[in-house]
């Protein structure tokens, strides 16, 4: 019977540790602000961080073209 009680206490402790860790992680994620990305922006950041900034040139050029187009329509 003592073995069964030890097993139950061990399972309770494991669950308690799991729950504490889960709550810590979920609370820390909710504190961080969510970033909003334009289409392709997150991928471009990843490429730069991976050491391939030259692969982001078409994306950057496209953003610049869209920006210039919006500016030209306002004048």
N, C-alpha and C. Protein backbone atom coordinates (compact mmCIF):
# COMPACT_ATOMS: atom_id res chain seq x y z
N UNK A 1 0.82 -1.20 0.00
CA UNK A 1 0.00 0.00 0.00
C UNK A 1 0.86 1.25 0.00
N UNK A 2 1.97 1.20 0.70
CA UNK A 2 2.88 2.34 0.77
C UNK A 2 3.43 2.68 -0.62
N UNK A 3 3.67 1.65 -1.43
CA UNK A 3 4.17 1.85 -2.79
C UNK A 3 3.15 2.60 -3.64
N UNK A 4 1.89 2.27 -3.49
CA UNK A 4 0.82 2.94 -4.23
C UNK A 4 0.72 4.42 -3.83
N UNK A 5 0.87 4.71 -2.55
CA UNK A 5 0.82 6.08 -2.05
C UNK A 5 2.01 6.88 -2.58
N UNK A 6 3.19 6.25 -2.60
CA UNK A 6 4.38 6.92 -3.13
C UNK A 6 4.20 7.24 -4.61
N UNK A 7 3.62 6.30 -5.35
CA UNK A 7 3.38 6.51 -6.78
C UNK A 7 2.40 7.66 -7.00
N UNK A 8 1.35 7.70 -6.19
CA UNK A 8 0.36 8.76 -6.28
C UNK A 8 1.00 10.13 -5.97
N UNK A 9 1.81 10.18 -4.90
CA UNK A 9 2.49 11.43 -4.54
C UNK A 9 3.46 11.87 -5.62
N UNK A 10 4.16 10.90 -6.23
CA UNK A 10 5.10 11.22 -7.30
C UNK A 10 4.36 11.78 -8.51
N UNK A 11 3.21 11.19 -8.86
CA UNK A 11 2.42 11.67 -9.99
C UNK A 11 1.88 13.07 -9.71
N UNK A 12 1.44 13.30 -8.47
CA UNK A 12 0.97 14.63 -8.09
C UNK A 12 2.07 15.67 -8.21
N UNK A 13 3.27 15.30 -7.77
CA UNK A 13 4.41 16.22 -7.83
C UNK A 13 4.80 16.49 -9.28
N UNK A 14 4.81 15.44 -10.11
CA UNK A 14 5.13 15.62 -11.53
C UNK A 14 4.13 16.56 -12.20
N UNK A 15 2.85 16.35 -11.90
CA UNK A 15 1.81 17.20 -12.49
C UNK A 15 1.96 18.63 -12.00
N UNK A 16 2.25 18.79 -10.73
CA UNK A 16 2.41 20.13 -10.16
C UNK A 16 3.59 20.86 -10.81
N UNK A 17 4.70 20.15 -11.00
CA UNK A 17 5.87 20.75 -11.66
C UNK A 17 5.55 21.11 -13.10
N UNK A 18 4.86 20.21 -13.80
CA UNK A 18 4.47 20.48 -15.18
C UNK A 18 3.57 21.72 -15.27
N UNK A 19 2.57 21.76 -14.40
CA UNK A 19 1.64 22.88 -14.41
C UNK A 19 2.35 24.20 -14.09
N UNK A 20 3.26 24.18 -13.15
CA UNK A 20 4.00 25.40 -12.80
C UNK A 20 4.82 25.88 -14.00
N UNK A 21 5.50 24.97 -14.67
CA UNK A 21 6.31 25.32 -15.84
C UNK A 21 5.43 25.84 -16.97
N UNK A 22 4.31 25.18 -17.19
CA UNK A 22 3.38 25.61 -18.23
C UNK A 22 2.87 27.02 -17.97
N UNK A 23 2.48 27.28 -16.74
CA UNK A 23 1.97 28.62 -16.41
C UNK A 23 3.05 29.67 -16.53
N UNK A 24 4.28 29.35 -16.18
CA UNK A 24 5.39 30.30 -16.35
C UNK A 24 5.58 30.64 -17.82
N UNK A 25 5.56 29.62 -18.66
CA UNK A 25 5.76 29.85 -20.10
C UNK A 25 4.60 30.63 -20.70
N UNK A 26 3.39 30.28 -20.35
CA UNK A 26 2.25 30.98 -20.95
C UNK A 26 2.18 32.42 -20.47
N UNK A 27 2.58 32.69 -19.23
CA UNK A 27 2.59 34.07 -18.73
C UNK A 27 3.69 34.88 -19.40
N UNK A 28 4.85 34.29 -19.62
CA UNK A 28 5.95 35.04 -20.24
C UNK A 28 5.64 35.34 -21.69
N UNK A 29 4.92 34.46 -22.37
CA UNK A 29 4.56 34.71 -23.77
C UNK A 29 3.52 35.81 -23.88
N UNK A 30 2.63 35.91 -22.92
CA UNK A 30 1.60 36.93 -23.01
C UNK A 30 2.14 38.32 -22.68
N UNK A 31 3.27 38.40 -22.00
CA UNK A 31 3.89 39.68 -21.66
C UNK A 31 4.57 40.28 -22.88
N UNK A 32 5.14 39.42 -23.72
CA UNK A 32 5.86 39.89 -24.90
C UNK A 32 4.86 40.44 -25.92
N UNK A 33 5.15 41.61 -26.47
CA UNK A 33 4.22 42.16 -27.47
C UNK A 33 4.28 41.32 -28.74
N UNK A 34 3.14 41.16 -29.37
CA UNK A 34 3.10 40.43 -30.62
C UNK A 34 3.50 41.37 -31.75
N UNK A 35 4.39 40.90 -32.58
CA UNK A 35 4.83 41.70 -33.72
C UNK A 35 3.91 41.41 -34.89
N UNK A 36 3.63 42.42 -35.67
CA UNK A 36 2.85 42.19 -36.87
C UNK A 36 3.79 42.38 -38.05
N UNK A 37 3.73 41.45 -38.96
CA UNK A 37 4.63 41.46 -40.11
C UNK A 37 3.82 41.58 -41.39
N UNK A 38 4.41 42.26 -42.35
CA UNK A 38 3.84 42.26 -43.70
C UNK A 38 4.19 40.93 -44.33
N UNK A 39 3.50 40.60 -45.42
CA UNK A 39 3.82 39.36 -46.13
C UNK A 39 5.29 39.34 -46.52
N UNK A 40 5.97 38.31 -46.10
CA UNK A 40 7.37 38.14 -46.45
C UNK A 40 8.35 38.79 -45.51
N UNK A 41 7.90 39.66 -44.63
CA UNK A 41 8.82 40.37 -43.75
C UNK A 41 9.50 39.43 -42.75
N UNK A 42 8.75 38.50 -42.19
CA UNK A 42 9.33 37.57 -41.24
C UNK A 42 10.36 36.67 -41.92
N UNK A 43 10.03 36.23 -43.12
CA UNK A 43 10.96 35.40 -43.87
C UNK A 43 12.23 36.17 -44.20
N UNK A 44 12.08 37.45 -44.54
CA UNK A 44 13.25 38.27 -44.85
C UNK A 44 14.14 38.42 -43.62
N UNK A 45 13.54 38.63 -42.46
CA UNK A 45 14.33 38.71 -41.22
C UNK A 45 15.06 37.41 -40.96
N UNK A 46 14.38 36.29 -41.21
CA UNK A 46 15.01 35.00 -40.99
C UNK A 46 16.18 34.82 -41.93
N UNK A 47 16.02 35.19 -43.20
CA UNK A 47 17.12 35.06 -44.15
C UNK A 47 18.33 35.90 -43.74
N UNK A 48 18.08 37.10 -43.25
CA UNK A 48 19.18 37.96 -42.79
C UNK A 48 19.87 37.31 -41.60
N UNK A 49 19.10 36.82 -40.64
CA UNK A 49 19.71 36.22 -39.46
C UNK A 49 20.44 34.92 -39.79
N UNK A 50 20.01 34.24 -40.86
CA UNK A 50 20.67 33.01 -41.28
C UNK A 50 21.91 33.28 -42.12
N UNK A 51 22.16 34.54 -42.43
CA UNK A 51 23.37 34.89 -43.18
C UNK A 51 23.16 35.04 -44.67
N UNK A 52 21.92 35.22 -45.11
CA UNK A 52 21.63 35.37 -46.53
C UNK A 52 20.92 36.69 -46.83
N UNK A 53 21.52 37.81 -46.46
CA UNK A 53 20.82 39.09 -46.69
C UNK A 53 20.62 39.41 -48.16
N UNK A 54 21.46 38.87 -49.03
CA UNK A 54 21.32 39.16 -50.45
C UNK A 54 20.02 38.59 -51.03
N UNK A 55 19.47 37.57 -50.37
CA UNK A 55 18.22 36.99 -50.86
C UNK A 55 17.00 37.85 -50.52
N UNK A 56 17.19 38.87 -49.71
CA UNK A 56 16.07 39.75 -49.34
C UNK A 56 15.98 40.97 -50.25
N UNK A 57 16.90 41.12 -51.17
CA UNK A 57 16.88 42.31 -52.04
C UNK A 57 15.58 42.44 -52.83
N UNK A 58 15.05 41.37 -53.43
CA UNK A 58 13.77 41.53 -54.15
C UNK A 58 12.64 41.96 -53.22
N UNK A 59 12.61 41.44 -52.00
CA UNK A 59 11.58 41.82 -51.04
C UNK A 59 11.71 43.30 -50.69
N UNK A 60 12.93 43.73 -50.40
CA UNK A 60 13.15 45.13 -50.04
C UNK A 60 12.80 46.05 -51.21
N UNK A 61 13.15 45.65 -52.42
CA UNK A 61 12.84 46.47 -53.59
C UNK A 61 11.33 46.56 -53.79
N UNK A 62 10.64 45.48 -53.58
CA UNK A 62 9.18 45.47 -53.71
C UNK A 62 8.54 46.40 -52.69
N UNK A 63 9.03 46.38 -51.45
CA UNK A 63 8.49 47.29 -50.43
C UNK A 63 8.76 48.74 -50.80
N UNK A 64 9.95 49.02 -51.32
CA UNK A 64 10.29 50.38 -51.72
C UNK A 64 9.40 50.83 -52.88
N UNK A 65 9.17 49.94 -53.84
CA UNK A 65 8.31 50.28 -54.97
C UNK A 65 6.88 50.59 -54.50
N UNK A 66 6.35 49.78 -53.58
CA UNK A 66 5.00 50.02 -53.08
C UNK A 66 4.93 51.33 -52.31
N UNK A 67 5.97 51.63 -51.54
CA UNK A 67 6.02 52.88 -50.79
C UNK A 67 6.04 54.08 -51.75
N UNK A 68 6.90 54.02 -52.75
CA UNK A 68 6.99 55.10 -53.73
C UNK A 68 5.69 55.28 -54.49
N UNK A 69 5.01 54.17 -54.79
CA UNK A 69 3.73 54.25 -55.49
C UNK A 69 2.68 54.94 -54.63
N UNK A 70 2.65 54.60 -53.34
CA UNK A 70 1.69 55.25 -52.43
C UNK A 70 2.00 56.74 -52.32
N UNK A 71 3.26 57.10 -52.25
CA UNK A 71 3.65 58.51 -52.14
C UNK A 71 3.26 59.26 -53.42
N UNK A 72 3.51 58.66 -54.57
CA UNK A 72 3.21 59.35 -55.84
C UNK A 72 1.70 59.55 -56.02
N UNK A 73 0.88 58.69 -55.46
CA UNK A 73 -0.58 58.84 -55.58
C UNK A 73 -1.10 59.97 -54.69
N UNK A 74 -0.35 60.33 -53.65
CA UNK A 74 -0.82 61.39 -52.77
C UNK A 74 -0.51 62.78 -53.29
N UNK A 75 0.39 62.87 -54.26
CA UNK A 75 0.76 64.18 -54.79
C UNK A 75 0.11 64.46 -56.09
